[in-house]
Amino acid sequence: MLGYAYHVGGDYQKALKAYGKALENGAYATNTEYNIGCAQAQLGNADEAFAHLDAAMEAGFGDAPHMKADPDLESLHADARWEGAVARAFAIGYPCSADESLAQFDFWLGTWKVQSADGRFIGKNTIEKVHNDCVVMEHWKGADHVTGMSMNYYDPAAEQWVQVWRGDRGGIGYFTGGLDETGAMVLTGTATSLDGSTALARGTWTMNEDGTVRQLFEKSPDEGATWKAKFDLTYHPVEAQSDDATSAAE
């Protein structure tokens, strides 16, 4: 805090001495190394500034938005190393946003009007990314007043997607899988009814050329030897709007 007080007052040399003493005494390295980098940037020492920003990131610093907006670091923006440093901080602070594997289900994101194969309105589904893009959340509202939601996430250890579904009628689904050779998301697992009965089930989401998404849900009575379609839906993108407005339009 003494170093930061000197820093705010513009005495960067004294700030550096205090920061160095703080590190010797076991101070929180993430913020201290970052502040040293800022002080060195203010003094025009770009090499030292980047070295200490790197040390801050080694200690866990990942606030890329703060780093980009920090006036102390403006002198580094024209340096060829700047974009790489920001990208590294972003990957630390927002690992799910930086991981391309977690973007595989992005084609399902949006607000959708869902229709059956014969064109009947089935319901509305809103799919969004939450928790810094680490989770894909589904919010279903059916025309028959059935509601439900699913949580979808990528498991890096298993290298597969996981979907956990829960509906307001007691249904539970647990599915795993990933993209097939055509780019469709295929998730297979167990659908459990309120009475405890289970069935092998499979969902397939396919991005169509016209911007719609097909969701085919199948069940197997014989452990995957044969499959029977439970529903075959098409998602049509719509502008975000209130539930009342959506209902009035149907």
C-alpha atoms as a PDB file:
ATOM      1  CA  MET A   1       0.000   0.000   0.000  1.00  0.00           C
ATOM      2  CA  LEU A   2       2.941   2.337   0.616  1.00  0.00           C
ATOM      3  CA  GLY A   3       4.166   1.578  -2.897  1.00  0.00           C
ATOM      4  CA  TYR A   4       0.722   2.271  -4.313  1.00  0.00           C
ATOM      5  CA  ALA A   5       0.548   5.570  -2.427  1.00  0.00           C
ATOM      6  CA  TYR A   6       3.826   6.668  -4.026  1.00  0.00           C
ATOM      7  CA  HIS A   7       2.543   5.347  -7.340  1.00  0.00           C
ATOM      8  CA  VAL A   8      -0.644   7.420  -7.234  1.00  0.00           C
ATOM      9  CA  GLY A   9       1.442  10.442  -6.276  1.00  0.00           C
ATOM     10  CA  GLY A  10       3.616   9.986  -9.336  1.00  0.00           C
ATOM     11  CA  ASP A  11       6.820   9.067  -7.497  1.00  0.00           C
ATOM     12  CA  TYR A  12       7.487   5.851  -9.369  1.00  0.00           C
ATOM     13  CA  GLN A  13      11.046   5.325  -8.141  1.00  0.00           C
ATOM     14  CA  LYS A  14       9.922   5.282  -4.499  1.00  0.00           C
ATOM     15  CA  ALA A  15       6.955   3.144  -5.515  1.00  0.00           C
ATOM     16  CA  LEU A  16       9.304   0.573  -7.053  1.00  0.00           C
ATOM     17  CA  LYS A  17      11.402   0.394  -3.893  1.00  0.00           C
ATOM     18  CA  ALA A  18       8.305  -0.150  -1.759  1.00  0.00           C
ATOM     19  CA  TYR A  19       6.912  -2.733  -4.173  1.00  0.00           C
ATOM     20  CA  GLY A  20      10.225  -4.593  -4.128  1.00  0.00           C
ATOM     21  CA  LYS A  21      10.224  -4.661  -0.331  1.00  0.00           C
ATOM     22  CA  ALA A  22       6.623  -5.881  -0.382  1.00  0.00           C
ATOM     23  CA  LEU A  23       7.590  -8.809  -2.630  1.00  0.00           C
ATOM     24  CA  GLU A  24      10.467  -9.687  -0.301  1.00  0.00           C
ATOM     25  CA  ASN A  25       7.985  -9.801   2.560  1.00  0.00           C
ATOM     26  CA  GLY A  26       5.642 -12.153   0.696  1.00  0.00           C
ATOM     27  CA  ALA A  27       3.092  -9.655  -0.597  1.00  0.00           C
ATOM     28  CA  TYR A  28       0.390 -10.749  -3.033  1.00  0.00           C
ATOM     29  CA  ALA A  29       2.526 -11.166  -6.149  1.00  0.00           C
ATOM     30  CA  THR A  30      -0.273 -10.853  -8.694  1.00  0.00           C
ATOM     31  CA  ASN A  31      -1.135  -7.232  -7.929  1.00  0.00           C
ATOM     32  CA  THR A  32       2.355  -6.221  -6.833  1.00  0.00           C
ATOM     33  CA  GLU A  33       4.064  -7.465  -9.992  1.00  0.00           C
ATOM     34  CA  TYR A  34       1.346  -5.826 -12.091  1.00  0.00           C
ATOM     35  CA  ASN A  35       1.862  -2.493 -10.308  1.00  0.00           C
ATOM     36  CA  ILE A  36       5.610  -2.753 -10.812  1.00  0.00           C
ATOM     37  CA  GLY A  37       4.947  -3.254 -14.514  1.00  0.00           C
ATOM     38  CA  CYS A  38       2.778  -0.137 -14.524  1.00  0.00           C
ATOM     39  CA  ALA A  39       5.416   1.916 -12.726  1.00  0.00           C
ATOM     40  CA  GLN A  40       8.126   0.756 -15.146  1.00  0.00           C
ATOM     41  CA  ALA A  41       5.889   1.673 -18.080  1.00  0.00           C
ATOM     42  CA  GLN A  42       5.427   5.151 -16.642  1.00  0.00           C
ATOM     43  CA  LEU A  43       9.197   5.468 -16.391  1.00  0.00           C
ATOM     44  CA  GLY A  44       9.596   4.457 -20.035  1.00  0.00           C
ATOM     45  CA  ASN A  45      11.180   1.082 -19.280  1.00  0.00           C
ATOM     46  CA  ALA A  46       9.222  -1.139 -21.654  1.00  0.00           C
ATOM     47  CA  ASP A  47      11.387  -4.248 -21.229  1.00  0.00           C
ATOM     48  CA  GLU A  48      11.049  -4.110 -17.451  1.00  0.00           C
ATOM     49  CA  ALA A  49       7.346  -3.370 -17.733  1.00  0.00           C
ATOM     50  CA  PHE A  50       6.662  -6.431 -19.871  1.00  0.00           C
ATOM     51  CA  ALA A  51       8.859  -8.611 -17.666  1.00  0.00           C
ATOM     52  CA  HIS A  52       6.828  -7.731 -14.587  1.00  0.00           C
ATOM     53  CA  LEU A  53       3.498  -8.018 -16.402  1.00  0.00           C
ATOM     54  CA  ASP A  54       4.624 -11.515 -17.371  1.00  0.00           C
ATOM     55  CA  ALA A  55       5.458 -12.205 -13.724  1.00  0.00           C
ATOM     56  CA  ALA A  56       2.007 -10.978 -12.709  1.00  0.00           C
ATOM     57  CA  MET A  57       0.423 -13.379 -15.195  1.00  0.00           C
ATOM     58  CA  GLU A  58       2.618 -16.223 -13.949  1.00  0.00           C
ATOM     59  CA  ALA A  59       1.102 -15.476 -10.535  1.00  0.00           C
ATOM     60  CA  GLY A  60      -2.429 -15.582 -11.962  1.00  0.00           C
ATOM     61  CA  PHE A  61      -3.250 -12.083 -13.230  1.00  0.00           C
ATOM     62  CA  GLY A  62      -5.936 -12.296 -15.906  1.00  0.00           C
ATOM     63  CA  ASP A  63      -7.879  -9.035 -15.907  1.00  0.00           C
ATOM     64  CA  ALA A  64      -7.382  -8.218 -19.581  1.00  0.00           C
ATOM     65  CA  PRO A  65     -10.122  -5.511 -19.709  1.00  0.00           C
ATOM     66  CA  HIS A  66      -8.473  -3.631 -16.822  1.00  0.00           C
ATOM     67  CA  MET A  67      -5.068  -4.030 -18.428  1.00  0.00           C
ATOM     68  CA  LYS A  68      -6.303  -2.601 -21.755  1.00  0.00           C
ATOM     69  CA  ALA A  69      -7.952   0.384 -20.041  1.00  0.00           C
ATOM     70  CA  ASP A  70      -5.143   1.148 -17.569  1.00  0.00           C
ATOM     71  CA  PRO A  71      -3.645   4.586 -18.454  1.00  0.00           C
ATOM     72  CA  ASP A  72      -0.379   3.544 -16.797  1.00  0.00           C
ATOM     73  CA  LEU A  73       0.213   1.132 -19.673  1.00  0.00           C
ATOM     74  CA  GLU A  74      -0.675   3.373 -22.617  1.00  0.00           C
ATOM     75  CA  SER A  75       2.981   3.768 -23.564  1.00  0.00           C
ATOM     76  CA  LEU A  76       3.139   0.018 -24.262  1.00  0.00           C
ATOM     77  CA  HIS A  77       0.239  -0.090 -26.727  1.00  0.00           C
ATOM     78  CA  ALA A  78       2.436   0.556 -29.773  1.00  0.00           C
ATOM     79  CA  ASP A  79       4.925  -2.135 -28.749  1.00  0.00           C
ATOM     80  CA  ALA A  80       4.763  -5.370 -30.765  1.00  0.00           C
ATOM     81  CA  ARG A  81       4.549  -7.343 -27.509  1.00  0.00           C
ATOM     82  CA  TRP A  82       1.398  -5.598 -26.278  1.00  0.00           C
ATOM     83  CA  GLU A  83      -1.279  -7.605 -28.109  1.00  0.00           C
ATOM     84  CA  GLY A  84       0.361 -10.864 -27.100  1.00  0.00           C
ATOM     85  CA  ALA A  85       0.426  -9.790 -23.450  1.00  0.00           C
ATOM     86  CA  VAL A  86      -3.253  -8.834 -23.528  1.00  0.00           C
ATOM     87  CA  ALA A  87      -4.145 -12.133 -25.218  1.00  0.00           C
ATOM     88  CA  ARG A  88      -2.257 -14.058 -22.553  1.00  0.00           C
ATOM     89  CA  ALA A  89      -4.058 -12.199 -19.762  1.00  0.00           C
ATOM     90  CA  PHE A  90      -7.391 -12.846 -21.479  1.00  0.00           C
ATOM     91  CA  ALA A  91      -6.660 -16.579 -21.709  1.00  0.00           C
ATOM     92  CA  ILE A  92      -5.865 -16.657 -17.977  1.00  0.00           C
ATOM     93  CA  GLY A  93      -8.873 -14.641 -16.827  1.00  0.00           C
ATOM     94  CA  TYR A  94     -11.371 -15.964 -19.371  1.00  0.00           C
ATOM     95  CA  PRO A  95     -10.178 -19.488 -20.204  1.00  0.00           C
ATOM     96  CA  CYS A  96     -13.545 -20.643 -21.576  1.00  0.00           C
ATOM     97  CA  SER A  97     -13.797 -17.692 -23.954  1.00  0.00           C
ATOM     98  CA  ALA A  98     -10.283 -18.338 -25.230  1.00  0.00           C
ATOM     99  CA  ASP A  99     -10.741 -22.084 -25.773  1.00  0.00           C
ATOM    100  CA  GLU A 100     -12.019 -22.910 -29.267  1.00  0.00           C
ATOM    101  CA  SER A 101     -13.377 -26.261 -28.061  1.00  0.00           C
ATOM    102  CA  LEU A 102     -15.939 -24.407 -25.972  1.00  0.00           C
ATOM    103  CA  ALA A 103     -17.274 -22.627 -29.061  1.00  0.00           C
ATOM    104  CA  GLN A 104     -18.401 -25.867 -30.747  1.00  0.00           C
ATOM    105  CA  PHE A 105     -22.007 -25.452 -29.593  1.00  0.00           C
ATOM    106  CA  ASP A 106     -22.233 -21.731 -30.371  1.00  0.00           C
ATOM    107  CA  PHE A 107     -24.468 -22.378 -33.388  1.00  0.00           C
ATOM    108  CA  TRP A 108     -27.267 -23.186 -30.913  1.00  0.00           C
ATOM    109  CA  LEU A 109     -27.032 -19.799 -29.168  1.00  0.00           C
ATOM    110  CA  GLY A 110     -29.891 -17.368 -29.625  1.00  0.00           C
ATOM    111  CA  THR A 111     -33.608 -16.889 -29.164  1.00  0.00           C
ATOM    112  CA  TRP A 112     -35.605 -19.348 -31.232  1.00  0.00           C
ATOM    113  CA  LYS A 113     -39.147 -20.121 -32.333  1.00  0.00           C
ATOM    114  CA  VAL A 114     -39.339 -23.900 -32.445  1.00  0.00           C
ATOM    115  CA  GLN A 115     -41.556 -25.781 -34.880  1.00  0.00           C
ATOM    116  CA  SER A 116     -42.321 -29.433 -35.531  1.00  0.00           C
ATOM    117  CA  ALA A 117     -41.631 -31.102 -38.881  1.00  0.00           C
ATOM    118  CA  ASP A 118     -45.195 -30.284 -39.993  1.00  0.00           C
ATOM    119  CA  GLY A 119     -44.800 -26.595 -39.115  1.00  0.00           C
ATOM    120  CA  ARG A 120     -46.664 -26.491 -35.800  1.00  0.00           C
ATOM    121  CA  PHE A 121     -45.414 -24.029 -33.174  1.00  0.00           C
ATOM    122  CA  ILE A 122     -43.920 -26.120 -30.357  1.00  0.00           C
ATOM    123  CA  GLY A 123     -42.359 -23.515 -28.128  1.00  0.00           C
ATOM    124  CA  LYS A 124     -39.704 -20.925 -27.512  1.00  0.00           C
ATOM    125  CA  ASN A 125     -36.122 -21.680 -26.565  1.00  0.00           C
ATOM    126  CA  THR A 126     -33.447 -19.263 -25.449  1.00  0.00           C
ATOM    127  CA  ILE A 127     -29.857 -20.463 -25.412  1.00  0.00           C
ATOM    128  CA  GLU A 128     -27.156 -18.300 -23.839  1.00  0.00           C
ATOM    129  CA  LYS A 129     -23.599 -18.488 -22.633  1.00  0.00           C
ATOM    130  CA  VAL A 130     -23.038 -17.632 -18.963  1.00  0.00           C
ATOM    131  CA  HIS A 131     -20.226 -17.630 -16.405  1.00  0.00           C
ATOM    132  CA  ASN A 132     -17.643 -16.120 -18.745  1.00  0.00           C
ATOM    133  CA  ASP A 133     -18.692 -18.437 -21.588  1.00  0.00           C
ATOM    134  CA  CYS A 134     -18.057 -21.594 -19.545  1.00  0.00           C
ATOM    135  CA  VAL A 135     -21.672 -22.779 -19.607  1.00  0.00           C
ATOM    136  CA  VAL A 136     -24.310 -22.945 -22.351  1.00  0.00           C
ATOM    137  CA  MET A 137     -27.721 -22.574 -20.684  1.00  0.00           C
ATOM    138  CA  GLU A 138     -30.994 -23.591 -22.320  1.00  0.00           C
ATOM    139  CA  HIS A 139     -34.329 -22.085 -21.207  1.00  0.00           C
ATOM    140  CA  TRP A 140     -37.288 -23.929 -22.728  1.00  0.00           C
ATOM    141  CA  LYS A 141     -40.911 -22.755 -22.685  1.00  0.00           C
ATOM    142  CA  GLY A 142     -43.279 -25.040 -24.570  1.00  0.00           C
ATOM    143  CA  ALA A 143     -46.577 -24.161 -26.189  1.00  0.00           C
ATOM    144  CA  ASP A 144     -48.088 -26.854 -23.924  1.00  0.00           C
ATOM    145  CA  HIS A 145     -46.752 -24.917 -20.885  1.00  0.00           C
ATOM    146  CA  VAL A 146     -44.006 -27.461 -20.251  1.00  0.00           C
ATOM    147  CA  THR A 147     -40.814 -25.729 -19.167  1.00  0.00           C
ATOM    148  CA  GLY A 148     -37.294 -26.895 -18.537  1.00  0.00           C
ATOM    149  CA  MET A 149     -33.646 -26.030 -18.752  1.00  0.00           C
ATOM    150  CA  SER A 150     -30.359 -27.653 -19.542  1.00  0.00           C
ATOM    151  CA  MET A 151     -26.782 -26.908 -18.590  1.00  0.00           C
ATOM    152  CA  ASN A 152     -24.212 -27.726 -21.257  1.00  0.00           C
ATOM    153  CA  TYR A 153     -20.458 -27.613 -20.798  1.00  0.00           C
ATOM    154  CA  TYR A 154     -17.261 -29.004 -22.237  1.00  0.00           C
ATOM    155  CA  ASP A 155     -15.340 -31.433 -20.025  1.00  0.00           C
ATOM    156  CA  PRO A 156     -11.643 -31.034 -21.003  1.00  0.00           C
ATOM    157  CA  ALA A 157     -10.547 -34.155 -19.110  1.00  0.00           C
ATOM    158  CA  ALA A 158     -12.977 -36.387 -21.010  1.00  0.00           C
ATOM    159  CA  GLU A 159     -12.748 -34.222 -24.157  1.00  0.00           C
ATOM    160  CA  GLN A 160     -16.500 -34.286 -24.544  1.00  0.00           C
ATOM    161  CA  TRP A 161     -19.617 -32.198 -24.082  1.00  0.00           C
ATOM    162  CA  VAL A 162     -22.014 -32.816 -21.203  1.00  0.00           C
ATOM    163  CA  GLN A 163     -25.698 -31.866 -21.071  1.00  0.00           C
ATOM    164  CA  VAL A 164     -27.790 -32.043 -17.908  1.00  0.00           C
ATOM    165  CA  TRP A 165     -31.524 -31.483 -18.458  1.00  0.00           C
ATOM    166  CA  ARG A 166     -34.267 -30.923 -15.885  1.00  0.00           C
ATOM    167  CA  GLY A 167     -37.895 -30.333 -16.776  1.00  0.00           C
ATOM    168  CA  ASP A 168     -40.853 -29.097 -14.745  1.00  0.00           C
ATOM    169  CA  ARG A 169     -42.594 -32.478 -15.172  1.00  0.00           C
ATOM    170  CA  GLY A 170     -39.787 -34.256 -13.372  1.00  0.00           C
ATOM    171  CA  GLY A 171     -37.792 -35.461 -16.350  1.00  0.00           C
ATOM    172  CA  ILE A 172     -34.023 -35.667 -16.065  1.00  0.00           C
ATOM    173  CA  GLY A 173     -31.491 -36.125 -18.816  1.00  0.00           C
ATOM    174  CA  TYR A 174     -27.761 -36.730 -18.703  1.00  0.00           C
ATOM    175  CA  PHE A 175     -25.985 -36.883 -22.058  1.00  0.00           C
ATOM    176  CA  THR A 176     -22.420 -36.758 -23.336  1.00  0.00           C
ATOM    177  CA  GLY A 177     -20.769 -36.572 -26.741  1.00  0.00           C
ATOM    178  CA  GLY A 178     -19.482 -34.047 -29.230  1.00  0.00           C
ATOM    179  CA  LEU A 179     -19.320 -33.028 -32.856  1.00  0.00           C
ATOM    180  CA  ASP A 180     -19.604 -35.740 -35.484  1.00  0.00           C
ATOM    181  CA  GLU A 181     -17.876 -35.718 -38.867  1.00  0.00           C
ATOM    182  CA  THR A 182     -20.580 -33.461 -40.341  1.00  0.00           C
ATOM    183  CA  GLY A 183     -20.284 -30.834 -37.588  1.00  0.00           C
ATOM    184  CA  ALA A 184     -23.515 -31.849 -35.847  1.00  0.00           C
ATOM    185  CA  MET A 185     -23.558 -32.023 -32.052  1.00  0.00           C
ATOM    186  CA  VAL A 186     -24.515 -35.561 -30.985  1.00  0.00           C
ATOM    187  CA  LEU A 187     -25.150 -36.247 -27.293  1.00  0.00           C
ATOM    188  CA  THR A 188     -26.148 -39.690 -26.022  1.00  0.00           C
ATOM    189  CA  GLY A 189     -27.170 -40.778 -22.537  1.00  0.00           C
ATOM    190  CA  THR A 190     -30.002 -41.562 -20.187  1.00  0.00           C
ATOM    191  CA  ALA A 191     -33.450 -39.963 -19.981  1.00  0.00           C
ATOM    192  CA  THR A 192     -35.078 -40.548 -16.595  1.00  0.00           C
ATOM    193  CA  SER A 193     -38.818 -40.118 -15.958  1.00  0.00           C
ATOM    194  CA  LEU A 194     -40.418 -39.033 -12.677  1.00  0.00           C
ATOM    195  CA  ASP A 195     -41.321 -42.641 -11.852  1.00  0.00           C
ATOM    196  CA  GLY A 196     -37.656 -43.623 -12.077  1.00  0.00           C
ATOM    197  CA  SER A 197     -37.855 -45.449 -15.392  1.00  0.00           C
ATOM    198  CA  THR A 198     -34.951 -44.842 -17.769  1.00  0.00           C
ATOM    199  CA  ALA A 199     -34.324 -44.983 -21.488  1.00  0.00           C
ATOM    200  CA  LEU A 200     -31.306 -44.706 -23.731  1.00  0.00           C
ATOM    201  CA  ALA A 201     -31.683 -41.437 -25.635  1.00  0.00           C
ATOM    202  CA  ARG A 202     -29.789 -39.406 -28.211  1.00  0.00           C
ATOM    203  CA  GLY A 203     -30.022 -35.786 -29.283  1.00  0.00           C
ATOM    204  CA  THR A 204     -28.587 -34.423 -32.521  1.00  0.00           C
ATOM    205  CA  TRP A 205     -28.307 -30.686 -33.249  1.00  0.00           C
ATOM    206  CA  THR A 206     -27.497 -29.680 -36.823  1.00  0.00           C
ATOM    207  CA  MET A 207     -26.864 -26.197 -38.205  1.00  0.00           C
ATOM    208  CA  ASN A 208     -28.739 -25.731 -41.484  1.00  0.00           C
ATOM    209  CA  GLU A 209     -27.557 -23.563 -44.362  1.00  0.00           C
ATOM    210  CA  ASP A 210     -30.512 -21.174 -43.950  1.00  0.00           C
ATOM    211  CA  GLY A 211     -29.548 -20.321 -40.349  1.00  0.00           C
ATOM    212  CA  THR A 212     -32.064 -22.652 -38.720  1.00  0.00           C
ATOM    213  CA  VAL A 213     -31.098 -25.506 -36.403  1.00  0.00           C
ATOM    214  CA  ARG A 214     -32.555 -29.002 -36.440  1.00  0.00           C
ATOM    215  CA  GLN A 215     -32.858 -30.888 -33.164  1.00  0.00           C
ATOM    216  CA  LEU A 216     -33.628 -34.579 -33.505  1.00  0.00           C
ATOM    217  CA  PHE A 217     -34.284 -36.483 -30.270  1.00  0.00           C
ATOM    218  CA  GLU A 218     -34.401 -40.272 -30.398  1.00  0.00           C
ATOM    219  CA  LYS A 219     -34.844 -43.134 -27.954  1.00  0.00           C
ATOM    220  CA  SER A 220     -33.664 -46.734 -28.204  1.00  0.00           C
ATOM    221  CA  PRO A 221     -35.580 -49.677 -26.738  1.00  0.00           C
ATOM    222  CA  ASP A 222     -32.736 -52.125 -27.395  1.00  0.00           C
ATOM    223  CA  GLU A 223     -29.544 -50.551 -26.050  1.00  0.00           C
ATOM    224  CA  GLY A 224     -28.750 -48.654 -29.229  1.00  0.00           C
ATOM    225  CA  ALA A 225     -29.423 -51.367 -31.813  1.00  0.00           C
ATOM    226  CA  THR A 226     -32.321 -49.349 -33.209  1.00  0.00           C
ATOM    227  CA  TRP A 227     -33.533 -45.798 -32.676  1.00  0.00           C
ATOM    228  CA  LYS A 228     -36.988 -44.243 -32.847  1.00  0.00           C
ATOM    229  CA  ALA A 229     -37.542 -40.504 -33.240  1.00  0.00           C
ATOM    230  CA  LYS A 230     -39.273 -38.918 -30.244  1.00  0.00           C
ATOM    231  CA  PHE A 231     -39.375 -35.444 -31.781  1.00  0.00           C
ATOM    232  CA  ASP A 232     -37.868 -33.668 -34.770  1.00  0.00           C
ATOM    233  CA  LEU A 233     -37.743 -29.898 -34.338  1.00  0.00           C
ATOM    234  CA  THR A 234     -36.571 -26.905 -36.342  1.00  0.00           C
ATOM    235  CA  TYR A 235     -35.309 -23.759 -34.607  1.00  0.00           C
ATOM    236  CA  HIS A 236     -36.052 -20.467 -36.363  1.00  0.00           C
ATOM    237  CA  PRO A 237     -34.114 -17.413 -35.099  1.00  0.00           C
ATOM    238  CA  VAL A 238     -36.185 -14.522 -33.766  1.00  0.00           C
ATOM    239  CA  GLU A 239     -35.395 -11.142 -32.256  1.00  0.00           C
ATOM    240  CA  ALA A 240     -35.243 -11.098 -28.470  1.00  0.00           C
ATOM    241  CA  GLN A 241     -38.642 -10.020 -27.170  1.00  0.00           C
ATOM    242  CA  SER A 242     -40.933 -10.390 -24.227  1.00  0.00           C
ATOM    243  CA  ASP A 243     -42.896 -13.587 -23.621  1.00  0.00           C
ATOM    244  CA  ASP A 244     -46.132 -11.624 -24.096  1.00  0.00           C
ATOM    245  CA  ALA A 245     -44.998 -10.335 -27.486  1.00  0.00           C
ATOM    246  CA  THR A 246     -43.978 -13.814 -28.560  1.00  0.00           C
ATOM    247  CA  SER A 247     -47.297 -15.313 -27.464  1.00  0.00           C
ATOM    248  CA  ALA A 248     -49.293 -12.601 -29.226  1.00  0.00           C
ATOM    249  CA  ALA A 249     -47.428 -13.255 -32.476  1.00  0.00           C
ATOM    250  CA  GLU A 250     -48.242 -16.976 -32.487  1.00  0.00           C
END
